PDB file of N, CA and C in Angstrom:
ATOM      1  N   MET A   1      14.059 -11.939 -21.108  1.00  0.00           N
ATOM      2  CA  MET A   1      12.541 -11.645 -20.119  1.00  0.00           C
ATOM      3  C   MET A   1      11.731 -12.518 -21.186  1.00  0.00           C
ATOM      4  N   ASP A   2      10.579 -13.674 -20.106  1.00  0.00           N
ATOM      5  CA  ASP A   2       9.614 -13.896 -20.637  1.00  0.00           C
ATOM      6  C   ASP A   2       8.438 -12.680 -20.488  1.00  0.00           C
ATOM      7  N   THR A   3       7.489 -13.528 -20.831  1.00  0.00           N
ATOM      8  CA  THR A   3       6.083 -12.776 -20.997  1.00  0.00           C
ATOM      9  C   THR A   3       5.390 -12.586 -19.307  1.00  0.00           C
ATOM     10  N   ASP A   4       5.991 -13.634 -18.326  1.00  0.00           N
ATOM     11  CA  ASP A   4       5.642 -13.703 -16.744  1.00  0.00           C
ATOM     12  C   ASP A   4       6.429 -12.991 -16.160  1.00  0.00           C
ATOM     13  N   ALA A   5       7.274 -12.712 -16.054  1.00  0.00           N
ATOM     14  CA  ALA A   5       8.750 -12.028 -16.119  1.00  0.00           C
ATOM     15  C   ALA A   5       8.601 -10.308 -15.969  1.00  0.00           C
ATOM     16  N   ARG A   6       7.960 -10.254 -18.048  1.00  0.00           N
ATOM     17  CA  ARG A   6       7.519  -9.045 -17.761  1.00  0.00           C
ATOM     18  C   ARG A   6       6.714  -8.514 -17.174  1.00  0.00           C
ATOM     19  N   THR A   7       5.485  -8.399 -17.395  1.00  0.00           N
ATOM     20  CA  THR A   7       4.394  -8.977 -17.145  1.00  0.00           C
ATOM     21  C   THR A   7       4.380  -8.209 -15.042  1.00  0.00           C
ATOM     22  N   GLU A   8       5.268  -9.156 -15.057  1.00  0.00           N
ATOM     23  CA  GLU A   8       5.140  -9.038 -13.248  1.00  0.00           C
ATOM     24  C   GLU A   8       6.241  -7.715 -13.041  1.00  0.00           C
ATOM     25  N   TYR A   9       6.875  -7.584 -13.318  1.00  0.00           N
ATOM     26  CA  TYR A   9       8.192  -6.475 -13.448  1.00  0.00           C
ATOM     27  C   TYR A   9       7.048  -4.863 -13.612  1.00  0.00           C
ATOM     28  N   MET A  10       6.292  -4.950 -14.617  1.00  0.00           N
ATOM     29  CA  MET A  10       5.059  -4.057 -15.437  1.00  0.00           C
ATOM     30  C   MET A  10       4.685  -3.579 -14.907  1.00  0.00           C
ATOM     31  N   SER A  11       3.619  -4.803 -13.168  1.00  0.00           N
ATOM     32  CA  SER A  11       2.563  -4.619 -12.884  1.00  0.00           C
ATOM     33  C   SER A  11       3.101  -3.588 -10.984  1.00  0.00           C
ATOM     34  N   GLN A  12       4.188  -4.092 -11.056  1.00  0.00           N
ATOM     35  CA  GLN A  12       5.605  -3.586  -9.679  1.00  0.00           C
ATOM     36  C   GLN A  12       5.666  -2.296 -10.071  1.00  0.00           C
ATOM     37  N   ASP A  13       6.252  -2.197 -11.567  1.00  0.00           N
ATOM     38  CA  ASP A  13       6.668  -1.406 -11.944  1.00  0.00           C
ATOM     39  C   ASP A  13       5.349   0.361 -11.760  1.00  0.00           C
ATOM     40  N   VAL A  14       4.064   0.385 -12.655  1.00  0.00           N
ATOM     41  CA  VAL A  14       3.017   0.920 -12.239  1.00  0.00           C
ATOM     42  C   VAL A  14       3.039   1.584 -10.939  1.00  0.00           C
ATOM     43  N   LEU A  15       2.567   0.083  -9.795  1.00  0.00           N
ATOM     44  CA  LEU A  15       2.490   0.158  -8.286  1.00  0.00           C
ATOM     45  C   LEU A  15       3.366   1.613  -7.764  1.00  0.00           C
ATOM     46  N   MET A  16       4.573   1.578  -8.188  1.00  0.00           N
ATOM     47  CA  MET A  16       5.891   1.789  -6.978  1.00  0.00           C
ATOM     48  C   MET A  16       5.615   4.097  -7.828  1.00  0.00           C
ATOM     49  N   ARG A  17       5.233   3.823  -9.386  1.00  0.00           N
ATOM     50  CA  ARG A  17       5.561   5.252  -9.769  1.00  0.00           C
ATOM     51  C   ARG A  17       4.194   5.002  -9.434  1.00  0.00           C
ATOM     52  N   THR A  18       2.042   5.265  -8.801  1.00  0.00           N
ATOM     53  CA  THR A  18       1.641   5.313  -8.516  1.00  0.00           C
ATOM     54  C   THR A  18       1.633   5.779  -6.640  1.00  0.00           C
ATOM     55  N   LEU A  19       2.828   4.690  -6.050  1.00  0.00           N
ATOM     56  CA  LEU A  19       2.774   5.364  -4.831  1.00  0.00           C
ATOM     57  C   LEU A  19       3.218   6.491  -4.594  1.00  0.00           C
ATOM     58  N   ASP A  20       4.934   6.935  -5.258  1.00  0.00           N
ATOM     59  CA  ASP A  20       5.815   8.157  -4.802  1.00  0.00           C
ATOM     60  C   ASP A  20       5.115   9.470  -5.645  1.00  0.00           C
ATOM     61  N   THR A  21       4.188   9.004  -6.210  1.00  0.00           N
ATOM     62  CA  THR A  21       2.865  10.624  -7.342  1.00  0.00           C
ATOM     63  C   THR A  21       2.390  10.381  -5.787  1.00  0.00           C
ATOM     64  N   ASP A  22       1.734   9.601  -5.310  1.00  0.00           N
ATOM     65  CA  ASP A  22       1.024   9.993  -3.590  1.00  0.00           C
ATOM     66  C   ASP A  22       0.719  11.137  -3.000  1.00  0.00           C
ATOM     67  N   LEU A  23       2.031  10.007  -3.195  1.00  0.00           N
ATOM     68  CA  LEU A  23       3.428  10.344  -1.725  1.00  0.00           C
ATOM     69  C   LEU A  23       4.088  11.779  -1.328  1.00  0.00           C
ATOM     70  N   GLN A  24       3.663  12.533  -0.242  1.00  0.00           N
ATOM     71  CA  GLN A  24       5.051  12.965   0.153  1.00  0.00           C
ATOM     72  C   GLN A  24       6.278  13.055  -0.185  1.00  0.00           C
ATOM     73  N   PRO A  25       7.444  13.718  -0.880  1.00  0.00           N
ATOM     74  CA  PRO A  25       8.495  13.145  -1.152  1.00  0.00           C
ATOM     75  C   PRO A  25       9.941  12.264   0.285  1.00  0.00           C
ATOM     76  N   GLN A  26       9.451  13.249   1.429  1.00  0.00           N
ATOM     77  CA  GLN A  26       9.913  12.240   2.225  1.00  0.00           C
ATOM     78  C   GLN A  26       9.337  10.841   3.384  1.00  0.00           C
ATOM     79  N   ASN A  27       8.086  10.908   2.963  1.00  0.00           N
ATOM     80  CA  ASN A  27       7.394   9.148   2.662  1.00  0.00           C
ATOM     81  C   ASN A  27       7.364   8.622   1.975  1.00  0.00           C
ATOM     82  N   ALA A  28       8.128   9.142   1.022  1.00  0.00           N
ATOM     83  CA  ALA A  28       7.682   7.650  -0.454  1.00  0.00           C
ATOM     84  C   ALA A  28       8.751   6.474   0.033  1.00  0.00           C
ATOM     85  N   VAL A  29       9.345   6.660   0.432  1.00  0.00           N
ATOM     86  CA  VAL A  29      10.395   5.400   0.784  1.00  0.00           C
ATOM     87  C   VAL A  29      10.129   4.438   1.625  1.00  0.00           C
ATOM     88  N   ASN A  30       9.470   4.844   2.442  1.00  0.00           N
ATOM     89  CA  ASN A  30       9.300   3.640   3.559  1.00  0.00           C
ATOM     90  C   ASN A  30       7.650   3.326   3.662  1.00  0.00           C
ATOM     91  N   ALA A  31       6.965   4.969   2.628  1.00  0.00           N
ATOM     92  CA  ALA A  31       5.626   4.114   2.877  1.00  0.00           C
ATOM     93  C   ALA A  31       5.802   2.675   1.544  1.00  0.00           C
ATOM     94  N   VAL A  32       6.181   2.740   0.548  1.00  0.00           N
ATOM     95  CA  VAL A  32       6.061   1.580  -0.526  1.00  0.00           C
ATOM     96  C   VAL A  32       7.454   0.524   0.046  1.00  0.00           C
ATOM     97  N   GLN A  33       7.917   0.881   1.047  1.00  0.00           N
ATOM     98  CA  GLN A  33       8.153  -0.004   2.088  1.00  0.00           C
ATOM     99  C   GLN A  33       7.084  -1.263   3.021  1.00  0.00           C
ATOM    100  N   THR A  34       6.561  -0.192   3.123  1.00  0.00           N
ATOM    101  CA  THR A  34       5.644  -0.875   4.464  1.00  0.00           C
ATOM    102  C   THR A  34       3.657  -1.723   3.308  1.00  0.00           C
ATOM    103  N   ASP A  35       3.117  -0.921   2.074  1.00  0.00           N
ATOM    104  CA  ASP A  35       2.660  -0.405   1.711  1.00  0.00           C
ATOM    105  C   ASP A  35       2.385  -1.410   0.707  1.00  0.00           C
ATOM    106  N   ILE A  36       3.372  -1.701  -0.031  1.00  0.00           N
ATOM    107  CA  ILE A  36       3.012  -3.816  -0.224  1.00  0.00           C
ATOM    108  C   ILE A  36       2.286  -4.814  -1.048  1.00  0.00           C
ATOM    109  N   GLY A  37       2.126  -5.406   0.867  1.00  0.00           N
ATOM    110  CA  GLY A  37       1.514  -6.152   0.980  1.00  0.00           C
ATOM    111  C   GLY A  37       2.141  -7.473   0.581  1.00  0.00           C
ATOM    112  N   ARG A  38       1.299  -8.640   0.467  1.00  0.00           N
ATOM    113  CA  ARG A  38       1.503  -9.534  -0.457  1.00  0.00           C
ATOM    114  C   ARG A  38       0.897  -9.139  -2.431  1.00  0.00           C
ATOM    115  N   PRO A  39       1.788 -10.470  -3.392  1.00  0.00           N
ATOM    116  CA  PRO A  39       1.538  -9.694  -4.235  1.00  0.00           C
ATOM    117  C   PRO A  39      -0.279 -10.453  -4.484  1.00  0.00           C
ATOM    118  N   SER A  40      -1.253  -9.798  -6.007  1.00  0.00           N
ATOM    119  CA  SER A  40      -1.996  -9.813  -6.546  1.00  0.00           C
ATOM    120  C   SER A  40      -2.673 -11.219  -6.500  1.00  0.00           C
ATOM    121  N   LYS A  41      -4.147 -12.125  -6.369  1.00  0.00           N
ATOM    122  CA  LYS A  41      -3.863 -13.421  -7.050  1.00  0.00           C
ATOM    123  C   LYS A  41      -3.825 -13.891  -8.610  1.00  0.00           C
ATOM    124  N   GLU A  42      -3.586 -11.925  -8.809  1.00  0.00           N
ATOM    125  CA  GLU A  42      -3.521 -12.614 -10.563  1.00  0.00           C
ATOM    126  C   GLU A  42      -2.135 -12.975 -11.379  1.00  0.00           C
ATOM    127  N   MET A  43      -1.571 -12.038  -9.919  1.00  0.00           N
ATOM    128  CA  MET A  43       0.296 -12.398 -10.742  1.00  0.00           C
ATOM    129  C   MET A  43       0.659 -14.115 -10.220  1.00  0.00           C
ATOM    130  N   LYS A  44       1.538 -13.756 -11.280  1.00  0.00           N
ATOM    131  CA  LYS A  44       1.865 -15.495 -12.048  1.00  0.00           C
ATOM    132  C   LYS A  44       3.476 -15.723 -11.707  1.00  0.00           C
ATOM    133  N   GLY A  45       3.563 -17.173 -10.509  1.00  0.00           N
ATOM    134  CA  GLY A  45       5.134 -17.440 -10.413  1.00  0.00           C
ATOM    135  C   GLY A  45       5.415 -18.189 -11.319  1.00  0.00           C
ATOM    136  N   ASN A  46       6.238 -19.307 -11.050  1.00  0.00           N
ATOM    137  CA  ASN A  46       6.751 -20.317 -11.388  1.00  0.00           C
ATOM    138  C   ASN A  46       6.686 -22.555 -10.995  1.00  0.00           C
ATOM    139  N   LEU A  47       6.099 -22.645 -11.460  1.00  0.00           N
ATOM    140  CA  LEU A  47       5.727 -23.982 -10.858  1.00  0.00           C
ATOM    141  C   LEU A  47       6.699 -25.127 -10.590  1.00  0.00           C
ATOM    142  N   ASN A  48       6.458 -25.212  -9.590  1.00  0.00           N
ATOM    143  CA  ASN A  48       7.532 -26.690  -9.401  1.00  0.00           C
ATOM    144  C   ASN A  48       6.583 -27.934  -9.584  1.00  0.00           C
ATOM    145  N   GLU A  49       7.103 -28.347 -10.538  1.00  0.00           N
ATOM    146  CA  GLU A  49       6.591 -29.424 -11.189  1.00  0.00           C
ATOM    147  C   GLU A  49       6.597 -30.862  -9.718  1.00  0.00           C
ATOM    148  N   SER A  50       7.612 -30.384  -9.606  1.00  0.00           N
ATOM    149  CA  SER A  50       7.374 -31.970  -8.438  1.00  0.00           C
ATOM    150  C   SER A  50       6.958 -31.690  -6.593  1.00  0.00           C
ATOM    151  N   ASP A  51       6.381 -30.561  -5.972  1.00  0.00           N
ATOM    152  CA  ASP A  51       5.451 -30.466  -5.340  1.00  0.00           C
ATOM    153  C   ASP A  51       4.095 -29.408  -5.581  1.00  0.00           C
ATOM    154  N   GLY A  52       3.922 -29.441  -7.137  1.00  0.00           N
ATOM    155  CA  GLY A  52       3.066 -28.609  -7.196  1.00  0.00           C
ATOM    156  C   GLY A  52       2.274 -26.791  -6.780  1.00  0.00           C
ATOM    157  N   HIS A  53       2.800 -27.172  -6.126  1.00  0.00           N
ATOM    158  CA  HIS A  53       3.185 -24.983  -5.783  1.00  0.00           C
ATOM    159  C   HIS A  53       4.004 -24.364  -6.669  1.00  0.00           C
ATOM    160  N   GLU A  54       3.122 -22.861  -6.739  1.00  0.00           N
ATOM    161  CA  GLU A  54       3.224 -22.360  -7.576  1.00  0.00           C
ATOM    162  C   GLU A  54       4.124 -21.600  -6.962  1.00  0.00           C
ATOM    163  N   TYR A  55       5.894 -20.385  -7.174  1.00  0.00           N
ATOM    164  CA  TYR A  55       5.861 -19.522  -6.758  1.00  0.00           C
ATOM    165  C   TYR A  55       6.518 -18.674  -6.618  1.00  0.00           C
ATOM    166  N   LEU A  56       6.255 -17.496  -6.576  1.00  0.00           N
ATOM    167  CA  LEU A  56       7.334 -16.067  -6.641  1.00  0.00           C
ATOM    168  C   LEU A  56       8.425 -14.946  -5.697  1.00  0.00           C
ATOM    169  N   GLU A  57       8.529 -14.607  -6.107  1.00  0.00           N
ATOM    170  CA  GLU A  57       9.677 -13.292  -5.367  1.00  0.00           C
ATOM    171  C   GLU A  57       9.032 -12.311  -5.591  1.00  0.00           C
ATOM    172  N   TYR A  58       8.449 -11.494  -5.143  1.00  0.00           N
ATOM    173  CA  TYR A  58       7.458 -10.412  -4.196  1.00  0.00           C
ATOM    174  C   TYR A  58       8.239  -9.294  -3.634  1.00  0.00           C
ATOM    175  N   PRO A  59       8.620  -8.077  -4.144  1.00  0.00           N
ATOM    176  CA  PRO A  59       8.722  -7.686  -5.156  1.00  0.00           C
ATOM    177  C   PRO A  59       9.917  -8.525  -5.756  1.00  0.00           C
ATOM    178  N   THR A  60      10.297  -8.695  -7.548  1.00  0.00           N
ATOM    179  CA  THR A  60      11.630  -8.967  -7.570  1.00  0.00           C
ATOM    180  C   THR A  60      12.911  -8.907  -6.833  1.00  0.00           C
ATOM    181  N   GLY A  61      13.288  -9.525  -6.478  1.00  0.00           N
ATOM    182  CA  GLY A  61      14.834  -9.417  -5.961  1.00  0.00           C
ATOM    183  C   GLY A  61      15.011  -8.778  -5.089  1.00  0.00           C
ATOM    184  N   SER A  62      13.612  -9.217  -4.048  1.00  0.00           N
ATOM    185  CA  SER A  62      13.533  -8.515  -2.296  1.00  0.00           C
ATOM    186  C   SER A  62      13.894  -9.220  -1.819  1.00  0.00           C
ATOM    187  N   GLY A  63      13.799 -11.042  -1.842  1.00  0.00           N
ATOM    188  CA  GLY A  63      14.603 -11.950  -1.297  1.00  0.00           C
ATOM    189  C   GLY A  63      13.171 -12.237  -0.604  1.00  0.00           C
ATOM    190  N   ALA A  64      11.574 -12.084  -0.502  1.00  0.00           N
ATOM    191  CA  ALA A  64      10.948 -12.621   0.470  1.00  0.00           C
ATOM    192  C   ALA A  64       9.832 -12.859  -0.963  1.00  0.00           C
ATOM    193  N   TRP A  65       9.915 -14.141  -0.909  1.00  0.00           N
ATOM    194  CA  TRP A  65       8.942 -15.468  -1.514  1.00  0.00           C
ATOM    195  C   TRP A  65       7.366 -16.096  -1.284  1.00  0.00           C
ATOM    196  N   TYR A  66       6.483 -16.165  -2.308  1.00  0.00           N
ATOM    197  CA  TYR A  66       5.557 -15.878  -1.719  1.00  0.00           C
ATOM    198  C   TYR A  66       5.397 -17.455  -2.412  1.00  0.00           C
ATOM    199  N   TYR A  67       3.498 -18.239  -2.127  1.00  0.00           N
ATOM    200  CA  TYR A  67       4.237 -19.795  -2.427  1.00  0.00           C
ATOM    201  C   TYR A  67       1.938 -19.432  -2.728  1.00  0.00           C
ATOM    202  N   ARG A  68       1.531 -20.984  -3.129  1.00  0.00           N
ATOM    203  CA  ARG A  68      -0.098 -20.863  -3.386  1.00  0.00           C
ATOM    204  C   ARG A  68       0.171 -22.346  -3.853  1.00  0.00           C
ATOM    205  N   ARG A  69      -1.225 -23.176  -3.692  1.00  0.00           N
ATOM    206  CA  ARG A  69      -1.781 -24.757  -4.255  1.00  0.00           C
ATOM    207  C   ARG A  69      -1.381 -24.516  -5.305  1.00  0.00           C
ATOM    208  N   SER A  70      -2.750 -23.754  -6.186  1.00  0.00           N
ATOM    209  CA  SER A  70      -2.997 -23.055  -7.313  1.00  0.00           C
ATOM    210  C   SER A  70      -3.397 -22.067  -7.642  1.00  0.00           C
ATOM    211  N   SER A  71      -3.356 -21.491  -8.771  1.00  0.00           N
ATOM    212  CA  SER A  71      -3.610 -20.377  -9.717  1.00  0.00           C
ATOM    213  C   SER A  71      -4.398 -19.134  -9.344  1.00  0.00           C
ATOM    214  N   ASN A  72      -5.696 -19.956  -8.263  1.00  0.00           N
ATOM    215  CA  ASN A  72      -6.822 -19.029  -8.034  1.00  0.00           C
ATOM    216  C   ASN A  72      -6.868 -17.772  -6.907  1.00  0.00           C
ATOM    217  N   ALA A  73      -5.601 -19.432  -6.079  1.00  0.00           N
ATOM    218  CA  ALA A  73      -5.385 -19.025  -4.726  1.00  0.00           C
ATOM    219  C   ALA A  73      -4.194 -17.226  -4.097  1.00  0.00           C
ATOM    220  N   GLU A  74      -5.025 -18.022  -3.684  1.00  0.00           N
ATOM    221  CA  GLU A  74      -4.100 -16.235  -2.583  1.00  0.00           C
ATOM    222  C   GLU A  74      -2.923 -16.672  -2.484  1.00  0.00           C
ATOM    223  N   TRP A  75      -1.394 -15.720  -2.794  1.00  0.00           N
ATOM    224  CA  TRP A  75      -0.125 -16.000  -1.880  1.00  0.00           C
ATOM    225  C   TRP A  75       0.410 -15.674  -0.646  1.00  0.00           C
ATOM    226  N   LYS A  76       0.791 -16.461  -0.197  1.00  0.00           N
ATOM    227  CA  LYS A  76       1.296 -17.153   1.273  1.00  0.00           C
ATOM    228  C   LYS A  76       2.553 -16.888   1.475  1.00  0.00           C
ATOM    229  N   GLN A  77       3.198 -16.200   2.877  1.00  0.00           N
ATOM    230  CA  GLN A  77       4.703 -15.666   2.843  1.00  0.00           C
ATOM    231  C   GLN A  77       4.895 -17.144   2.611  1.00  0.00           C
ATOM    232  N   TRP A  78       6.654 -17.383   2.415  1.00  0.00           N
ATOM    233  CA  TRP A  78       6.920 -18.571   2.709  1.00  0.00           C
ATOM    234  C   TRP A  78       7.861 -17.939   4.262  1.00  0.00           C
ATOM    235  N   VAL A  79       8.180 -18.477   4.813  1.00  0.00           N
ATOM    236  CA  VAL A  79       9.197 -18.531   6.059  1.00  0.00           C
ATOM    237  C   VAL A  79      10.005 -19.414   6.387  1.00  0.00           C
ATOM    238  N   GLN A  80      11.043 -19.948   6.095  1.00  0.00           N
ATOM    239  CA  GLN A  80      12.118 -20.405   6.839  1.00  0.00           C
ATOM    240  C   GLN A  80      11.740 -20.434   7.927  1.00  0.00           C
TER     241      GLN A  80
END
């Protein structure tokens, strides 16, 4: 696992742990699904050199993809 992937994983893990401890057990799963939102600007994705955009699947393995034109821009959800 490379450094960027590990950093993303760790930030998601911390977020999940925080949400799980702050919520009632019966509401934890629903809150995690609806409160995660888009990735923060600080998260790094993979640069596609053919189009110059950076892409990120967030959370990892979810199938939800985000893109941006520069590394200091907000992430936008990619919809087909």
